[in-house]
Amino acid sequence: PVSALDVSVQAQVLNLMQDLQQQFG
């Protein structure tokens, strides 16, 4: 899901996915 993104943007998307995992289970 993040291989086509810049490194700085990858971190933002990965942090988002972790937050969503905690929020929605």
mmCIF file of all heavy atoms, coordinates in Angstrom:
data_MODEL
# 
_entry.id   MODEL 
# 
loop_
_atom_site.group_PDB 
_atom_site.id 
_atom_site.type_symbol 
_atom_site.label_atom_id 
_atom_site.label_alt_id 
_atom_site.label_comp_id 
_atom_site.label_asym_id 
_atom_site.label_entity_id 
_atom_site.label_seq_id 
_atom_site.pdbx_PDB_ins_code 
_atom_site.Cartn_x 
_atom_site.Cartn_y 
_atom_site.Cartn_z 
_atom_site.occupancy 
_atom_site.B_iso_or_equiv 
_atom_site.pdbx_formal_charge 
_atom_site.auth_seq_id 
_atom_site.auth_comp_id 
_atom_site.auth_asym_id 
_atom_site.auth_atom_id 
_atom_site.pdbx_PDB_model_num 
ATOM 1   N N   . PRO A 1 1  ? 0.785   -1.238 0.000  1.00 0.00 ? 1  PRO A N   1 
ATOM 2   C CA  . PRO A 1 1  ? 0.000   0.000  0.000  1.00 0.00 ? 1  PRO A CA  1 
ATOM 3   C C   . PRO A 1 1  ? 0.812   1.279  0.000  1.00 0.00 ? 1  PRO A C   1 
ATOM 4   O O   . PRO A 1 1  ? 0.251   2.350  -0.252 1.00 0.00 ? 1  PRO A O   1 
ATOM 5   C CB  . PRO A 1 1  ? -0.827  -0.120 1.282  1.00 0.00 ? 1  PRO A CB  1 
ATOM 6   C CG  . PRO A 1 1  ? 0.027   -0.951 2.187  1.00 0.00 ? 1  PRO A CG  1 
ATOM 7   C CD  . PRO A 1 1  ? 0.708   -1.942 1.292  1.00 0.00 ? 1  PRO A CD  1 
ATOM 8   N N   . VAL A 1 2  ? 2.119   1.212  0.292  1.00 0.00 ? 2  VAL A N   1 
ATOM 9   C CA  . VAL A 1 2  ? 2.910   2.446  0.347  1.00 0.00 ? 2  VAL A CA  1 
ATOM 10  C C   . VAL A 1 2  ? 4.116   2.417  -0.582 1.00 0.00 ? 2  VAL A C   1 
ATOM 11  O O   . VAL A 1 2  ? 4.911   3.357  -0.585 1.00 0.00 ? 2  VAL A O   1 
ATOM 12  C CB  . VAL A 1 2  ? 3.381   2.738  1.798  1.00 0.00 ? 2  VAL A CB  1 
ATOM 13  C CG1 . VAL A 1 2  ? 2.195   2.982  2.722  1.00 0.00 ? 2  VAL A CG1 1 
ATOM 14  C CG2 . VAL A 1 2  ? 4.251   1.607  2.329  1.00 0.00 ? 2  VAL A CG2 1 
ATOM 15  N N   . SER A 1 3  ? 4.262   1.374  -1.387 1.00 0.00 ? 3  SER A N   1 
ATOM 16  C CA  . SER A 1 3  ? 5.477   1.250  -2.206 1.00 0.00 ? 3  SER A CA  1 
ATOM 17  C C   . SER A 1 3  ? 5.575   2.312  -3.290 1.00 0.00 ? 3  SER A C   1 
ATOM 18  O O   . SER A 1 3  ? 6.666   2.622  -3.758 1.00 0.00 ? 3  SER A O   1 
ATOM 19  C CB  . SER A 1 3  ? 5.543   -0.144 -2.835 1.00 0.00 ? 3  SER A CB  1 
ATOM 20  O OG  . SER A 1 3  ? 4.445   -0.348 -3.702 1.00 0.00 ? 3  SER A OG  1 
ATOM 21  N N   . ALA A 1 4  ? 4.430   2.887  -3.712 1.00 0.00 ? 4  ALA A N   1 
ATOM 22  C CA  . ALA A 1 4  ? 4.452   3.901  -4.768 1.00 0.00 ? 4  ALA A CA  1 
ATOM 23  C C   . ALA A 1 4  ? 4.573   5.315  -4.214 1.00 0.00 ? 4  ALA A C   1 
ATOM 24  O O   . ALA A 1 4  ? 4.528   6.279  -4.988 1.00 0.00 ? 4  ALA A O   1 
ATOM 25  C CB  . ALA A 1 4  ? 3.186   3.788  -5.622 1.00 0.00 ? 4  ALA A CB  1 
ATOM 26  N N   . LEU A 1 5  ? 4.750   5.448  -2.898 1.00 0.00 ? 5  LEU A N   1 
ATOM 27  C CA  . LEU A 1 5  ? 4.759   6.760  -2.270 1.00 0.00 ? 5  LEU A CA  1 
ATOM 28  C C   . LEU A 1 5  ? 6.168   7.157  -1.839 1.00 0.00 ? 5  LEU A C   1 
ATOM 29  O O   . LEU A 1 5  ? 7.031   6.306  -1.626 1.00 0.00 ? 5  LEU A O   1 
ATOM 30  C CB  . LEU A 1 5  ? 3.845   6.756  -1.041 1.00 0.00 ? 5  LEU A CB  1 
ATOM 31  C CG  . LEU A 1 5  ? 2.389   6.315  -1.280 1.00 0.00 ? 5  LEU A CG  1 
ATOM 32  C CD1 . LEU A 1 5  ? 1.631   6.290  0.039  1.00 0.00 ? 5  LEU A CD1 1 
ATOM 33  C CD2 . LEU A 1 5  ? 1.704   7.214  -2.289 1.00 0.00 ? 5  LEU A CD2 1 
ATOM 34  N N   . ASP A 1 6  ? 6.381   8.468  -1.701 1.00 0.00 ? 6  ASP A N   1 
ATOM 35  C CA  . ASP A 1 6  ? 7.637   8.953  -1.162 1.00 0.00 ? 6  ASP A CA  1 
ATOM 36  C C   . ASP A 1 6  ? 7.804   8.480  0.278  1.00 0.00 ? 6  ASP A C   1 
ATOM 37  O O   . ASP A 1 6  ? 6.820   8.206  0.977  1.00 0.00 ? 6  ASP A O   1 
ATOM 38  C CB  . ASP A 1 6  ? 7.683   10.486 -1.196 1.00 0.00 ? 6  ASP A CB  1 
ATOM 39  C CG  . ASP A 1 6  ? 7.715   11.030 -2.622 1.00 0.00 ? 6  ASP A CG  1 
ATOM 40  O OD1 . ASP A 1 6  ? 8.113   10.272 -3.519 1.00 0.00 ? 6  ASP A OD1 1 
ATOM 41  O OD2 . ASP A 1 6  ? 7.326   12.198 -2.823 1.00 0.00 ? 6  ASP A OD2 1 
ATOM 42  N N   . VAL A 1 7  ? 9.064   8.431  0.731  1.00 0.00 ? 7  VAL A N   1 
ATOM 43  C CA  . VAL A 1 7  ? 9.345   7.880  2.058  1.00 0.00 ? 7  VAL A CA  1 
ATOM 44  C C   . VAL A 1 7  ? 8.615   8.659  3.149  1.00 0.00 ? 7  VAL A C   1 
ATOM 45  O O   . VAL A 1 7  ? 8.037   8.069  4.076  1.00 0.00 ? 7  VAL A O   1 
ATOM 46  C CB  . VAL A 1 7  ? 10.862  7.879  2.317  1.00 0.00 ? 7  VAL A CB  1 
ATOM 47  C CG1 . VAL A 1 7  ? 11.158  7.449  3.747  1.00 0.00 ? 7  VAL A CG1 1 
ATOM 48  C CG2 . VAL A 1 7  ? 11.569  6.949  1.333  1.00 0.00 ? 7  VAL A CG2 1 
ATOM 49  N N   . SER A 1 8  ? 8.618   9.987  3.070  1.00 0.00 ? 8  SER A N   1 
ATOM 50  C CA  . SER A 1 8  ? 7.959   10.788 4.103  1.00 0.00 ? 8  SER A CA  1 
ATOM 51  C C   . SER A 1 8  ? 6.456   10.542 4.104  1.00 0.00 ? 8  SER A C   1 
ATOM 52  O O   . SER A 1 8  ? 5.812   10.502 5.164  1.00 0.00 ? 8  SER A O   1 
ATOM 53  C CB  . SER A 1 8  ? 8.250   12.276 3.882  1.00 0.00 ? 8  SER A CB  1 
ATOM 54  O OG  . SER A 1 8  ? 7.788   12.683 2.605  1.00 0.00 ? 8  SER A OG  1 
ATOM 55  N N   . VAL A 1 9  ? 5.877   10.360 2.917  1.00 0.00 ? 9  VAL A N   1 
ATOM 56  C CA  . VAL A 1 9  ? 4.445   10.096 2.822  1.00 0.00 ? 9  VAL A CA  1 
ATOM 57  C C   . VAL A 1 9  ? 4.134   8.679  3.297  1.00 0.00 ? 9  VAL A C   1 
ATOM 58  O O   . VAL A 1 9  ? 3.073   8.430  3.887  1.00 0.00 ? 9  VAL A O   1 
ATOM 59  C CB  . VAL A 1 9  ? 3.959   10.311 1.375  1.00 0.00 ? 9  VAL A CB  1 
ATOM 60  C CG1 . VAL A 1 9  ? 2.459   10.069 1.266  1.00 0.00 ? 9  VAL A CG1 1 
ATOM 61  C CG2 . VAL A 1 9  ? 4.301   11.716 0.899  1.00 0.00 ? 9  VAL A CG2 1 
ATOM 62  N N   . GLN A 1 10 ? 5.054   7.739  3.063  1.00 0.00 ? 10 GLN A N   1 
ATOM 63  C CA  . GLN A 1 10 ? 4.861   6.376  3.546  1.00 0.00 ? 10 GLN A CA  1 
ATOM 64  C C   . GLN A 1 10 ? 4.626   6.363  5.056  1.00 0.00 ? 10 GLN A C   1 
ATOM 65  O O   . GLN A 1 10 ? 3.720   5.686  5.546  1.00 0.00 ? 10 GLN A O   1 
ATOM 66  C CB  . GLN A 1 10 ? 6.086   5.518  3.220  1.00 0.00 ? 10 GLN A CB  1 
ATOM 67  C CG  . GLN A 1 10 ? 6.224   5.132  1.765  1.00 0.00 ? 10 GLN A CG  1 
ATOM 68  C CD  . GLN A 1 10 ? 7.399   4.193  1.553  1.00 0.00 ? 10 GLN A CD  1 
ATOM 69  O OE1 . GLN A 1 10 ? 7.957   3.658  2.508  1.00 0.00 ? 10 GLN A OE1 1 
ATOM 70  N NE2 . GLN A 1 10 ? 7.770   3.994  0.303  1.00 0.00 ? 10 GLN A NE2 1 
ATOM 71  N N   . ALA A 1 11 ? 5.447   7.119  5.788  1.00 0.00 ? 11 ALA A N   1 
ATOM 72  C CA  . ALA A 1 11 ? 5.316   7.146  7.243  1.00 0.00 ? 11 ALA A CA  1 
ATOM 73  C C   . ALA A 1 11 ? 3.953   7.676  7.657  1.00 0.00 ? 11 ALA A C   1 
ATOM 74  O O   . ALA A 1 11 ? 3.334   7.152  8.602  1.00 0.00 ? 11 ALA A O   1 
ATOM 75  C CB  . ALA A 1 11 ? 6.431   7.998  7.842  1.00 0.00 ? 11 ALA A CB  1 
ATOM 76  N N   . GLN A 1 12 ? 3.456   8.703  6.961  1.00 0.00 ? 12 GLN A N   1 
ATOM 77  C CA  . GLN A 1 12 ? 2.148   9.259  7.293  1.00 0.00 ? 12 GLN A CA  1 
ATOM 78  C C   . GLN A 1 12 ? 1.042   8.220  7.078  1.00 0.00 ? 12 GLN A C   1 
ATOM 79  O O   . GLN A 1 12 ? 0.152   8.060  7.921  1.00 0.00 ? 12 GLN A O   1 
ATOM 80  C CB  . GLN A 1 12 ? 1.878   10.488 6.437  1.00 0.00 ? 12 GLN A CB  1 
ATOM 81  C CG  . GLN A 1 12 ? 2.835   11.645 6.684  1.00 0.00 ? 12 GLN A CG  1 
ATOM 82  C CD  . GLN A 1 12 ? 2.614   12.782 5.691  1.00 0.00 ? 12 GLN A CD  1 
ATOM 83  O OE1 . GLN A 1 12 ? 1.593   12.825 5.002  1.00 0.00 ? 12 GLN A OE1 1 
ATOM 84  N NE2 . GLN A 1 12 ? 3.556   13.700 5.620  1.00 0.00 ? 12 GLN A NE2 1 
ATOM 85  N N   . VAL A 1 13 ? 1.101   7.507  5.953  1.00 0.00 ? 13 VAL A N   1 
ATOM 86  C CA  . VAL A 1 13 ? 0.064   6.520  5.648  1.00 0.00 ? 13 VAL A CA  1 
ATOM 87  C C   . VAL A 1 13 ? 0.125   5.351  6.620  1.00 0.00 ? 13 VAL A C   1 
ATOM 88  O O   . VAL A 1 13 ? -0.903  4.842  7.094  1.00 0.00 ? 13 VAL A O   1 
ATOM 89  C CB  . VAL A 1 13 ? 0.189   6.045  4.190  1.00 0.00 ? 13 VAL A CB  1 
ATOM 90  C CG1 . VAL A 1 13 ? -0.777  4.895  3.908  1.00 0.00 ? 13 VAL A CG1 1 
ATOM 91  C CG2 . VAL A 1 13 ? -0.081  7.195  3.228  1.00 0.00 ? 13 VAL A CG2 1 
ATOM 92  N N   . LEU A 1 14 ? 1.342   4.916  6.961  1.00 0.00 ? 14 LEU A N   1 
ATOM 93  C CA  . LEU A 1 14 ? 1.475   3.801  7.905  1.00 0.00 ? 14 LEU A CA  1 
ATOM 94  C C   . LEU A 1 14 ? 0.977   4.184  9.295  1.00 0.00 ? 14 LEU A C   1 
ATOM 95  O O   . LEU A 1 14 ? 0.307   3.379  9.964  1.00 0.00 ? 14 LEU A O   1 
ATOM 96  C CB  . LEU A 1 14 ? 2.937   3.359  7.970  1.00 0.00 ? 14 LEU A CB  1 
ATOM 97  C CG  . LEU A 1 14 ? 3.490   2.699  6.704  1.00 0.00 ? 14 LEU A CG  1 
ATOM 98  C CD1 . LEU A 1 14 ? 4.991   2.460  6.839  1.00 0.00 ? 14 LEU A CD1 1 
ATOM 99  C CD2 . LEU A 1 14 ? 2.776   1.396  6.406  1.00 0.00 ? 14 LEU A CD2 1 
ATOM 100 N N   . ASN A 1 15 ? 1.296   5.398  9.731  1.00 0.00 ? 15 ASN A N   1 
ATOM 101 C CA  . ASN A 1 15 ? 0.781   5.862  11.024 1.00 0.00 ? 15 ASN A CA  1 
ATOM 102 C C   . ASN A 1 15 ? -0.741  5.937  11.003 1.00 0.00 ? 15 ASN A C   1 
ATOM 103 O O   . ASN A 1 15 ? -1.407  5.600  11.989 1.00 0.00 ? 15 ASN A O   1 
ATOM 104 C CB  . ASN A 1 15 ? 1.374   7.231  11.365 1.00 0.00 ? 15 ASN A CB  1 
ATOM 105 C CG  . ASN A 1 15 ? 2.839   7.151  11.755 1.00 0.00 ? 15 ASN A CG  1 
ATOM 106 O OD1 . ASN A 1 15 ? 3.302   6.131  12.259 1.00 0.00 ? 15 ASN A OD1 1 
ATOM 107 N ND2 . ASN A 1 15 ? 3.585   8.217  11.503 1.00 0.00 ? 15 ASN A ND2 1 
ATOM 108 N N   . LEU A 1 16 ? -1.282  6.379  9.870  1.00 0.00 ? 16 LEU A N   1 
ATOM 109 C CA  . LEU A 1 16 ? -2.735  6.438  9.728  1.00 0.00 ? 16 LEU A CA  1 
ATOM 110 C C   . LEU A 1 16 ? -3.338  5.041  9.856  1.00 0.00 ? 16 LEU A C   1 
ATOM 111 O O   . LEU A 1 16 ? -4.343  4.848  10.563 1.00 0.00 ? 16 LEU A O   1 
ATOM 112 C CB  . LEU A 1 16 ? -3.096  7.044  8.382  1.00 0.00 ? 16 LEU A CB  1 
ATOM 113 C CG  . LEU A 1 16 ? -4.567  6.936  7.959  1.00 0.00 ? 16 LEU A CG  1 
ATOM 114 C CD1 . LEU A 1 16 ? -5.453  7.730  8.907  1.00 0.00 ? 16 LEU A CD1 1 
ATOM 115 C CD2 . LEU A 1 16 ? -4.750  7.404  6.519  1.00 0.00 ? 16 LEU A CD2 1 
ATOM 116 N N   . MET A 1 17 ? -2.747  4.052  9.185  1.00 0.00 ? 17 MET A N   1 
ATOM 117 C CA  . MET A 1 17 ? -3.284  2.694  9.235  1.00 0.00 ? 17 MET A CA  1 
ATOM 118 C C   . MET A 1 17 ? -3.241  2.137  10.652 1.00 0.00 ? 17 MET A C   1 
ATOM 119 O O   . MET A 1 17 ? -4.182  1.443  11.094 1.00 0.00 ? 17 MET A O   1 
ATOM 120 C CB  . MET A 1 17 ? -2.514  1.805  8.260  1.00 0.00 ? 17 MET A CB  1 
ATOM 121 C CG  . MET A 1 17 ? -2.707  2.199  6.802  1.00 0.00 ? 17 MET A CG  1 
ATOM 122 S SD  . MET A 1 17 ? -1.716  1.246  5.625  1.00 0.00 ? 17 MET A SD  1 
ATOM 123 C CE  . MET A 1 17 ? -2.602  -0.312 5.653  1.00 0.00 ? 17 MET A CE  1 
ATOM 124 N N   . GLN A 1 18 ? -2.182  2.434  11.381 1.00 0.00 ? 18 GLN A N   1 
ATOM 125 C CA  . GLN A 1 18 ? -2.107  1.970  12.766 1.00 0.00 ? 18 GLN A CA  1 
ATOM 126 C C   . GLN A 1 18 ? -3.161  2.648  13.641 1.00 0.00 ? 18 GLN A C   1 
ATOM 127 O O   . GLN A 1 18 ? -3.768  2.006  14.507 1.00 0.00 ? 18 GLN A O   1 
ATOM 128 C CB  . GLN A 1 18 ? -0.705  2.226  13.311 1.00 0.00 ? 18 GLN A CB  1 
ATOM 129 C CG  . GLN A 1 18 ? 0.356   1.316  12.700 1.00 0.00 ? 18 GLN A CG  1 
ATOM 130 C CD  . GLN A 1 18 ? 1.729   1.575  13.278 1.00 0.00 ? 18 GLN A CD  1 
ATOM 131 O OE1 . GLN A 1 18 ? 2.235   2.711  13.269 1.00 0.00 ? 18 GLN A OE1 1 
ATOM 132 N NE2 . GLN A 1 18 ? 2.362   0.536  13.792 1.00 0.00 ? 18 GLN A NE2 1 
ATOM 133 N N   . ASP A 1 19 ? -3.372  3.942  13.423 1.00 0.00 ? 19 ASP A N   1 
ATOM 134 C CA  . ASP A 1 19 ? -4.401  4.654  14.193 1.00 0.00 ? 19 ASP A CA  1 
ATOM 135 C C   . ASP A 1 19 ? -5.791  4.086  13.897 1.00 0.00 ? 19 ASP A C   1 
ATOM 136 O O   . ASP A 1 19 ? -6.607  3.906  14.809 1.00 0.00 ? 19 ASP A O   1 
ATOM 137 C CB  . ASP A 1 19 ? -4.363  6.147  13.851 1.00 0.00 ? 19 ASP A CB  1 
ATOM 138 C CG  . ASP A 1 19 ? -3.098  6.836  14.361 1.00 0.00 ? 19 ASP A CG  1 
ATOM 139 O OD1 . ASP A 1 19 ? -2.431  6.262  15.243 1.00 0.00 ? 19 ASP A OD1 1 
ATOM 140 O OD2 . ASP A 1 19 ? -2.782  7.930  13.857 1.00 0.00 ? 19 ASP A OD2 1 
ATOM 141 N N   . LEU A 1 20 ? -6.057  3.812  12.620 1.00 0.00 ? 20 LEU A N   1 
ATOM 142 C CA  . LEU A 1 20 ? -7.356  3.263  12.242 1.00 0.00 ? 20 LEU A CA  1 
ATOM 143 C C   . LEU A 1 20 ? -7.559  1.870  12.814 1.00 0.00 ? 20 LEU A C   1 
ATOM 144 O O   . LEU A 1 20 ? -8.675  1.484  13.184 1.00 0.00 ? 20 LEU A O   1 
ATOM 145 C CB  . LEU A 1 20 ? -7.490  3.230  10.719 1.00 0.00 ? 20 LEU A CB  1 
ATOM 146 C CG  . LEU A 1 20 ? -7.542  4.597  10.012 1.00 0.00 ? 20 LEU A CG  1 
ATOM 147 C CD1 . LEU A 1 20 ? -7.499  4.417  8.504  1.00 0.00 ? 20 LEU A CD1 1 
ATOM 148 C CD2 . LEU A 1 20 ? -8.776  5.375  10.422 1.00 0.00 ? 20 LEU A CD2 1 
ATOM 149 N N   . GLN A 1 21 ? -6.478  1.107  12.897 1.00 0.00 ? 21 GLN A N   1 
ATOM 150 C CA  . GLN A 1 21 ? -6.575  -0.234 13.477 1.00 0.00 ? 21 GLN A CA  1 
ATOM 151 C C   . GLN A 1 21 ? -6.999  -0.161 14.937 1.00 0.00 ? 21 GLN A C   1 
ATOM 152 O O   . GLN A 1 21 ? -7.859  -0.923 15.392 1.00 0.00 ? 21 GLN A O   1 
ATOM 153 C CB  . GLN A 1 21 ? -5.230  -0.953 13.352 1.00 0.00 ? 21 GLN A CB  1 
ATOM 154 C CG  . GLN A 1 21 ? -5.258  -2.378 13.866 1.00 0.00 ? 21 GLN A CG  1 
ATOM 155 C CD  . GLN A 1 21 ? -3.931  -3.093 13.658 1.00 0.00 ? 21 GLN A CD  1 
ATOM 156 O OE1 . GLN A 1 21 ? -2.867  -2.470 13.694 1.00 0.00 ? 21 GLN A OE1 1 
ATOM 157 N NE2 . GLN A 1 21 ? -3.987  -4.377 13.422 1.00 0.00 ? 21 GLN A NE2 1 
ATOM 158 N N   . GLN A 1 22 ? -6.393  0.767  15.677 1.00 0.00 ? 22 GLN A N   1 
ATOM 159 C CA  . GLN A 1 22 ? -6.758  0.925  17.084 1.00 0.00 ? 22 GLN A CA  1 
ATOM 160 C C   . GLN A 1 22 ? -8.176  1.476  17.228 1.00 0.00 ? 22 GLN A C   1 
ATOM 161 O O   . GLN A 1 22 ? -8.926  1.074  18.133 1.00 0.00 ? 22 GLN A O   1 
ATOM 162 C CB  . GLN A 1 22 ? -5.757  1.847  17.770 1.00 0.00 ? 22 GLN A CB  1 
ATOM 163 C CG  . GLN A 1 22 ? -4.353  1.277  17.850 1.00 0.00 ? 22 GLN A CG  1 
ATOM 164 C CD  . GLN A 1 22 ? -3.368  2.238  18.491 1.00 0.00 ? 22 GLN A CD  1 
ATOM 165 O OE1 . GLN A 1 22 ? -3.725  3.343  18.877 1.00 0.00 ? 22 GLN A OE1 1 
ATOM 166 N NE2 . GLN A 1 22 ? -2.119  1.826  18.604 1.00 0.00 ? 22 GLN A NE2 1 
ATOM 167 N N   . GLN A 1 23 ? -8.570  2.395  16.333 1.00 0.00 ? 23 GLN A N   1 
ATOM 168 C CA  . GLN A 1 23 ? -9.870  3.027  16.442 1.00 0.00 ? 23 GLN A CA  1 
ATOM 169 C C   . GLN A 1 23 ? -11.013 2.083  16.083 1.00 0.00 ? 23 GLN A C   1 
ATOM 170 O O   . GLN A 1 23 ? -12.057 2.075  16.748 1.00 0.00 ? 23 GLN A O   1 
ATOM 171 C CB  . GLN A 1 23 ? -9.905  4.260  15.528 1.00 0.00 ? 23 GLN A CB  1 
ATOM 172 C CG  . GLN A 1 23 ? -11.218 5.039  15.580 1.00 0.00 ? 23 GLN A CG  1 
ATOM 173 C CD  . GLN A 1 23 ? -11.189 6.264  14.680 1.00 0.00 ? 23 GLN A CD  1 
ATOM 174 O OE1 . GLN A 1 23 ? -10.148 6.632  14.122 1.00 0.00 ? 23 GLN A OE1 1 
ATOM 175 N NE2 . GLN A 1 23 ? -12.342 6.917  14.531 1.00 0.00 ? 23 GLN A NE2 1 
ATOM 176 N N   . PHE A 1 24 ? -10.824 1.270  15.035 1.00 0.00 ? 24 PHE A N   1 
ATOM 177 C CA  . PHE A 1 24 ? -11.913 0.436  14.525 1.00 0.00 ? 24 PHE A CA  1 
ATOM 178 C C   . PHE A 1 24 ? -11.715 -1.061 14.785 1.00 0.00 ? 24 PHE A C   1 
ATOM 179 O O   . PHE A 1 24 ? -12.568 -1.864 14.417 1.00 0.00 ? 24 PHE A O   1 
ATOM 180 C CB  . PHE A 1 24 ? -12.080 0.655  13.017 1.00 0.00 ? 24 PHE A CB  1 
ATOM 181 C CG  . PHE A 1 24 ? -12.476 2.062  12.653 1.00 0.00 ? 24 PHE A CG  1 
ATOM 182 C CD1 . PHE A 1 24 ? -11.558 2.924  12.079 1.00 0.00 ? 24 PHE A CD1 1 
ATOM 183 C CD2 . PHE A 1 24 ? -13.757 2.520  12.890 1.00 0.00 ? 24 PHE A CD2 1 
ATOM 184 C CE1 . PHE A 1 24 ? -11.912 4.223  11.737 1.00 0.00 ? 24 PHE A CE1 1 
ATOM 185 C CE2 . PHE A 1 24 ? -14.125 3.816  12.558 1.00 0.00 ? 24 PHE A CE2 1 
ATOM 186 C CZ  . PHE A 1 24 ? -13.198 4.679  11.987 1.00 0.00 ? 24 PHE A CZ  1 
ATOM 187 N N   . GLY A 1 25 ? -10.580 -1.450 15.369 1.00 0.00 ? 25 GLY A N   1 
ATOM 188 C CA  . GLY A 1 25 ? -10.332 -2.859 15.634 1.00 0.00 ? 25 GLY A CA  1 
ATOM 189 C C   . GLY A 1 25 ? -10.109 -3.682 14.383 1.00 0.00 ? 25 GLY A C   1 
ATOM 190 O O   . GLY A 1 25 ? -10.474 -4.864 14.323 1.00 0.00 ? 25 GLY A O   1 
# 
